[in-house]
Amino acid sequence: MKLLGVVLPLFLLAASHLCSAEDAVAARLIHILRPKFGSAGTGAKMKGVSCSSWQLAVETDNLRDWSTIPAGCESYLGHYMLGGRYRNDSRVVADSAVEYALSLQRFHRNTDIWIFDVDETSLSNLPYFSQHGFGVQPYNKWRFGKWVMKGAAPPLPETLRLYKVLVSVGIKVVFLTGRTAEYRNATVYNLKKAGYHTWEKLILRSANQGGTALQYKSEVRARLERGGLRIVGNIGDQWSDILGSPEGERTFKLPDPMYYIS
C-alpha cells in the first residue's frame, strides 16, 4: 500500500504533464494536409451542444440546408480539418473504397466507371477555406471563383490513392463536378497538377442549368447509364454527390463539415 501511495501520485503528475504537452501541441498552427497531433481542439460548444455533436449531425445528413458553420465552432473545425482527424476519417473511407474496388472479380474495362466529385473529394480547397473561417463566413461565389481559377488546390491524398488503384486495375474514372463550364480549363490544369493524369470524362455544369446539385448529378448519372456505362462506384463529400437515382453500385461519403450543398 505504501508503494501504491508513492506510485499513484507520480503517475498522476506524469499524466498531467503529458496532457499539458498535448494541449500545447494542439494549440500550434497545423499545416494544411500535413496531420499533426491534437486535431479537433477542445470540443467547443455552441448553444449547449458540442461542436462534435453538430458535426455528427451534419455528416449523417440529419442537419440539412445550413448556410454557415456555427461561429463558436470555427476553432474546433479548423483543428479538425487541418489536423489528423480529417485525414484519418478520409483514410477510413478511402480504405473501404479500395477494398471494394479490389474485390470486384468481374468488370468490363469498356463500360465500368467510377464517379469522383472534385471539390473536397479529388481536390482540397483547404488553403482557401483556412483563410475564410472554415465555413463560418458565407459563401462568396466571386472570391471562390478567383481561387478556382488559380488551379492551386492540392489533392486529397486518400482520394488520389483510390484513383491510382482504379487506374491500375482498369476501371475508368469520370469526374462529375458542380463547377460551371467557365472553370473547365482551370479544373483540367489543377487535376493534372494534383496527380490525376487521365480520365474518361470531366463533366461540368452549364451556367444556365437549373435545379439542385442532387438533381443535376442524378440526371448526369442516368444519362451515363443510358449511354451503356455501369457505375461501379461513386465518391463525394456531399450527400448530394451520392444520393438520387441512379446512385451507383457502391457509394462512399467523405467528411466535409465546412459547407452544405443540396
Protein backbone atom coordinates (compact mmCIF):
# COMPACT_ATOMS: atom_id res chain seq x y z
CA MET A 1 0.00 0.00 0.00
CA LYS A 2 2.89 2.33 0.76
CA LEU A 3 4.28 1.65 -2.72
CA LEU A 4 0.89 2.44 -4.26
CA GLY A 5 0.78 5.65 -2.27
CA VAL A 6 4.05 6.71 -3.91
CA VAL A 7 3.45 5.42 -7.43
CA LEU A 8 -0.09 6.80 -7.91
CA PRO A 9 0.81 10.46 -7.26
CA LEU A 10 3.80 10.12 -9.58
CA PHE A 11 1.57 8.61 -12.30
CA LEU A 12 -0.98 11.40 -11.95
CA LEU A 13 1.77 14.02 -12.07
CA ALA A 14 3.22 12.48 -15.24
CA ALA A 15 -0.24 12.28 -16.81
CA SER A 16 -0.91 15.93 -16.06
CA HIS A 17 2.38 16.94 -17.69
CA LEU A 18 1.52 14.79 -20.73
CA CYS A 19 -1.91 16.41 -21.10
CA SER A 20 -0.35 19.85 -20.82
CA ALA A 21 2.15 18.96 -23.54
CA GLU A 22 -0.64 17.62 -25.76
CA ASP A 23 -2.69 20.79 -25.30
CA ALA A 24 0.36 22.87 -26.22
CA VAL A 25 0.86 20.89 -29.43
CA ALA A 26 -2.84 21.15 -30.28
CA ALA A 27 -2.67 24.92 -29.97
CA ARG A 28 0.05 25.24 -32.60
CA LEU A 29 -0.70 26.05 -36.20
CA ILE A 30 -1.29 22.80 -38.07
CA HIS A 31 -0.06 22.79 -41.65
CA ILE A 32 -2.65 22.13 -44.32
CA LEU A 33 -2.95 18.43 -45.25
CA ARG A 34 0.03 17.55 -43.03
CA PRO A 35 -1.58 15.91 -40.00
CA LYS A 36 -0.22 16.83 -36.60
CA PHE A 37 -1.15 15.63 -33.16
CA GLY A 38 -4.05 17.37 -31.42
CA SER A 39 -6.69 17.93 -34.08
CA ALA A 40 -10.27 18.99 -33.34
CA GLY A 41 -9.30 21.27 -30.48
CA THR A 42 -11.07 21.02 -27.14
CA GLY A 43 -14.62 20.23 -28.20
CA ALA A 44 -16.03 23.75 -28.13
CA LYS A 45 -19.76 24.22 -27.67
CA MET A 46 -22.49 26.37 -29.19
CA LYS A 47 -25.90 26.81 -27.58
CA GLY A 48 -25.23 23.92 -25.21
CA VAL A 49 -24.45 21.44 -27.98
CA SER A 50 -20.88 20.37 -28.57
CA CYS A 51 -19.36 21.15 -31.96
CA SER A 52 -18.56 17.46 -32.37
CA SER A 53 -22.28 16.65 -31.97
CA TRP A 54 -23.15 19.32 -34.53
CA GLN A 55 -20.57 17.82 -36.88
CA LEU A 56 -22.04 14.34 -36.43
CA ALA A 57 -25.50 15.66 -37.33
CA VAL A 58 -24.04 17.23 -40.48
CA GLU A 59 -22.11 14.16 -41.60
CA THR A 60 -25.10 11.86 -41.10
CA ASP A 61 -27.34 14.19 -43.13
CA ASN A 62 -29.63 14.78 -40.17
CA LEU A 63 -28.89 18.52 -40.23
CA ARG A 64 -29.67 19.99 -43.64
CA ASP A 65 -29.91 23.29 -45.50
CA TRP A 66 -27.47 25.15 -43.26
CA SER A 67 -25.53 28.02 -44.79
CA THR A 68 -22.56 28.51 -42.45
CA ILE A 69 -20.96 26.65 -39.58
CA PRO A 70 -21.72 27.98 -36.07
CA ALA A 71 -19.37 30.84 -35.20
CA GLY A 72 -18.41 29.11 -31.96
CA CYS A 73 -17.14 26.09 -33.90
CA GLU A 74 -14.59 27.83 -36.13
CA SER A 75 -11.63 26.86 -33.96
CA TYR A 76 -12.90 23.32 -33.47
CA LEU A 77 -13.44 22.70 -37.19
CA GLY A 78 -10.16 24.41 -38.05
CA HIS A 79 -8.30 21.96 -35.85
CA TYR A 80 -10.34 19.08 -37.26
CA MET A 81 -9.73 19.97 -40.90
CA LEU A 82 -6.03 20.81 -40.53
CA GLY A 83 -5.22 18.08 -38.08
CA GLY A 84 -5.02 14.34 -38.09
CA ARG A 85 -8.69 13.53 -37.61
CA TYR A 86 -9.87 14.77 -41.02
CA ARG A 87 -7.16 12.81 -42.79
CA ASN A 88 -7.80 9.73 -40.64
CA ASP A 89 -11.54 9.88 -41.30
CA SER A 90 -10.87 10.26 -45.03
CA ARG A 91 -8.46 7.34 -44.89
CA VAL A 92 -11.14 5.04 -43.46
CA VAL A 93 -13.45 5.92 -46.36
CA ALA A 94 -10.70 5.50 -48.97
CA ASP A 95 -9.57 2.18 -47.48
CA SER A 96 -13.12 0.85 -47.76
CA ALA A 97 -13.37 2.06 -51.35
CA VAL A 98 -10.03 0.48 -52.29
CA GLU A 99 -11.03 -2.80 -50.65
CA TYR A 100 -14.30 -2.81 -52.58
CA ALA A 101 -12.59 -1.96 -55.88
CA LEU A 102 -10.07 -4.77 -55.48
CA SER A 103 -12.87 -7.20 -54.61
CA LEU A 104 -14.57 -6.73 -57.97
CA GLN A 105 -13.95 -10.06 -59.62
CA ARG A 106 -15.51 -9.24 -62.95
CA PHE A 107 -15.72 -5.84 -64.50
CA HIS A 108 -15.78 -4.57 -68.06
CA ARG A 109 -12.98 -2.21 -68.97
CA ASN A 110 -15.02 -0.56 -71.70
CA THR A 111 -18.16 0.17 -69.69
CA ASP A 112 -17.38 0.24 -65.96
CA ILE A 113 -16.75 3.66 -64.44
CA TRP A 114 -16.18 5.22 -61.02
CA ILE A 115 -17.53 8.71 -60.42
CA PHE A 116 -15.45 11.24 -58.49
CA ASP A 117 -16.65 14.58 -57.23
CA VAL A 118 -13.98 17.32 -57.47
CA ASP A 119 -14.11 19.84 -54.61
CA GLU A 120 -13.27 18.38 -51.18
CA THR A 121 -13.09 14.96 -52.83
CA SER A 122 -10.43 14.90 -55.54
CA LEU A 123 -9.09 18.37 -54.77
CA SER A 124 -8.89 20.07 -51.40
CA ASN A 125 -9.78 23.74 -51.04
CA LEU A 126 -8.40 23.93 -47.52
CA PRO A 127 -5.85 26.61 -48.49
CA TYR A 128 -8.86 28.78 -49.37
CA PHE A 129 -11.18 27.87 -46.51
CA SER A 130 -8.44 28.20 -43.92
CA GLN A 131 -8.35 31.89 -44.84
CA HIS A 132 -12.14 32.25 -44.64
CA GLY A 133 -13.13 30.74 -41.33
CA PHE A 134 -13.55 27.08 -42.38
CA GLY A 135 -17.12 27.78 -43.41
CA VAL A 136 -18.05 30.39 -40.79
CA GLN A 137 -18.03 33.07 -43.48
CA PRO A 138 -20.90 32.99 -46.01
CA TYR A 139 -20.01 31.53 -49.39
CA ASN A 140 -18.70 34.16 -51.79
CA LYS A 141 -19.01 32.94 -55.38
CA TRP A 142 -16.71 35.61 -56.82
CA ARG A 143 -13.96 35.10 -54.24
CA PHE A 144 -14.09 31.30 -54.52
CA GLY A 145 -14.10 31.56 -58.31
CA LYS A 146 -10.85 33.52 -58.19
CA TRP A 147 -9.32 30.76 -56.10
CA VAL A 148 -10.52 28.06 -58.53
CA MET A 149 -9.01 29.92 -61.48
CA LYS A 150 -5.57 29.71 -59.84
CA GLY A 151 -5.64 25.92 -60.21
CA ALA A 152 -3.70 25.62 -56.98
CA ALA A 153 -5.79 23.19 -54.92
CA PRO A 154 -3.80 20.21 -53.63
CA PRO A 155 -5.18 16.68 -53.94
CA LEU A 156 -6.80 14.92 -51.03
CA PRO A 157 -4.12 12.20 -50.74
CA GLU A 158 -6.57 9.46 -49.74
CA THR A 159 -8.69 10.07 -52.85
CA LEU A 160 -5.64 10.21 -55.07
CA ARG A 161 -4.61 6.80 -53.73
CA LEU A 162 -8.03 5.38 -54.63
CA TYR A 163 -7.77 6.94 -58.08
CA LYS A 164 -4.40 5.27 -58.72
CA VAL A 165 -5.76 1.88 -57.67
CA LEU A 166 -8.71 2.21 -60.05
CA VAL A 167 -6.49 3.23 -62.95
CA SER A 168 -4.16 0.30 -62.24
CA VAL A 169 -6.98 -2.26 -62.41
CA GLY A 170 -8.61 -0.72 -65.47
CA ILE A 171 -11.71 0.98 -64.05
CA LYS A 172 -12.36 4.25 -65.85
CA VAL A 173 -12.73 7.49 -63.92
CA VAL A 174 -15.40 10.13 -64.52
CA PHE A 175 -15.13 13.47 -62.75
CA LEU A 176 -18.57 14.96 -62.10
CA THR A 177 -18.48 18.42 -60.56
CA GLY A 178 -20.82 21.26 -59.73
CA ARG A 179 -18.25 23.70 -61.10
CA THR A 180 -19.55 25.51 -64.14
CA ALA A 181 -18.09 25.28 -67.64
CA GLU A 182 -16.13 28.54 -67.35
CA TYR A 183 -13.78 26.72 -64.96
CA ARG A 184 -13.05 23.79 -67.28
CA ASN A 185 -9.51 24.79 -68.26
CA ALA A 186 -8.56 25.67 -64.68
CA THR A 187 -10.02 22.38 -63.44
CA VAL A 188 -8.18 20.31 -66.06
CA TYR A 189 -4.94 22.07 -65.17
CA ASN A 190 -5.47 21.62 -61.43
CA LEU A 191 -6.43 17.94 -61.68
CA LYS A 192 -3.35 17.09 -63.74
CA LYS A 193 -1.12 19.16 -61.49
CA ALA A 194 -2.51 17.29 -58.49
CA GLY A 195 -1.71 13.88 -59.99
CA TYR A 196 -4.92 12.92 -61.82
CA HIS A 197 -3.41 12.43 -65.25
CA THR A 198 -6.09 10.51 -67.10
CA TRP A 199 -9.86 10.16 -67.06
CA GLU A 200 -12.77 9.12 -69.24
CA LYS A 201 -14.86 12.26 -68.80
CA LEU A 202 -14.82 15.57 -66.94
CA ILE A 203 -18.40 16.80 -66.64
CA LEU A 204 -19.11 20.36 -65.53
CA ARG A 205 -22.43 22.07 -65.03
CA SER A 206 -23.70 24.53 -67.61
CA ALA A 207 -24.04 28.06 -66.28
CA ASN A 208 -27.78 28.24 -67.02
CA GLN A 209 -28.69 24.78 -65.71
CA GLY A 210 -31.36 24.94 -63.02
CA GLY A 211 -32.27 22.57 -60.21
CA THR A 212 -30.38 21.36 -57.18
CA ALA A 213 -27.00 19.69 -57.17
CA LEU A 214 -28.70 16.40 -56.33
CA GLN A 215 -31.00 16.70 -59.35
CA TYR A 216 -28.14 17.70 -61.65
CA LYS A 217 -25.84 14.85 -60.64
CA SER A 218 -28.64 12.29 -60.69
CA GLU A 219 -29.57 13.33 -64.22
CA VAL A 220 -25.95 13.07 -65.38
CA ARG A 221 -25.55 9.61 -63.88
CA ALA A 222 -28.77 8.48 -65.52
CA ARG A 223 -27.51 9.79 -68.86
CA LEU A 224 -24.24 7.91 -68.43
CA GLU A 225 -26.08 4.68 -67.75
CA ARG A 226 -28.37 5.18 -70.73
CA GLY A 227 -25.20 5.50 -72.78
CA GLY A 228 -24.20 1.98 -71.78
CA LEU A 229 -21.87 2.71 -68.86
CA ARG A 230 -22.10 0.96 -65.49
CA ILE A 231 -21.32 2.98 -62.36
CA VAL A 232 -19.47 0.57 -60.09
CA GLY A 233 -18.50 3.26 -57.57
CA ASN A 234 -19.31 6.83 -56.62
CA ILE A 235 -17.42 9.00 -54.12
CA GLY A 236 -18.07 12.53 -52.90
CA ASP A 237 -18.04 14.79 -49.86
CA GLN A 238 -21.69 15.93 -50.12
CA TRP A 239 -24.76 13.76 -49.77
CA SER A 240 -25.98 15.38 -52.98
CA ASP A 241 -22.99 13.72 -54.70
CA ILE A 242 -24.15 10.21 -53.89
CA LEU A 243 -27.93 10.33 -53.35
CA GLY A 244 -30.53 10.23 -56.10
CA SER A 245 -31.18 7.62 -58.74
CA PRO A 246 -29.07 6.02 -60.03
CA GLU A 247 -26.51 6.24 -57.23
CA GLY A 248 -24.06 3.61 -58.47
CA GLU A 249 -23.44 0.11 -57.17
CA ARG A 250 -21.48 1.42 -54.16
CA THR A 251 -21.27 4.93 -52.74
CA PHE A 252 -18.67 6.44 -50.42
CA LYS A 253 -19.11 9.64 -48.40
CA LEU A 254 -16.02 11.64 -47.41
CA PRO A 255 -16.18 14.03 -44.45
CA ASP A 256 -16.84 17.72 -45.05
CA PRO A 257 -18.32 19.84 -42.26
CA MET A 258 -17.40 23.15 -43.92
CA TYR A 259 -20.36 23.64 -46.27
CA TYR A 260 -23.62 22.09 -47.41
CA ILE A 261 -24.85 21.65 -50.99
CA SER A 262 -28.40 20.42 -51.50
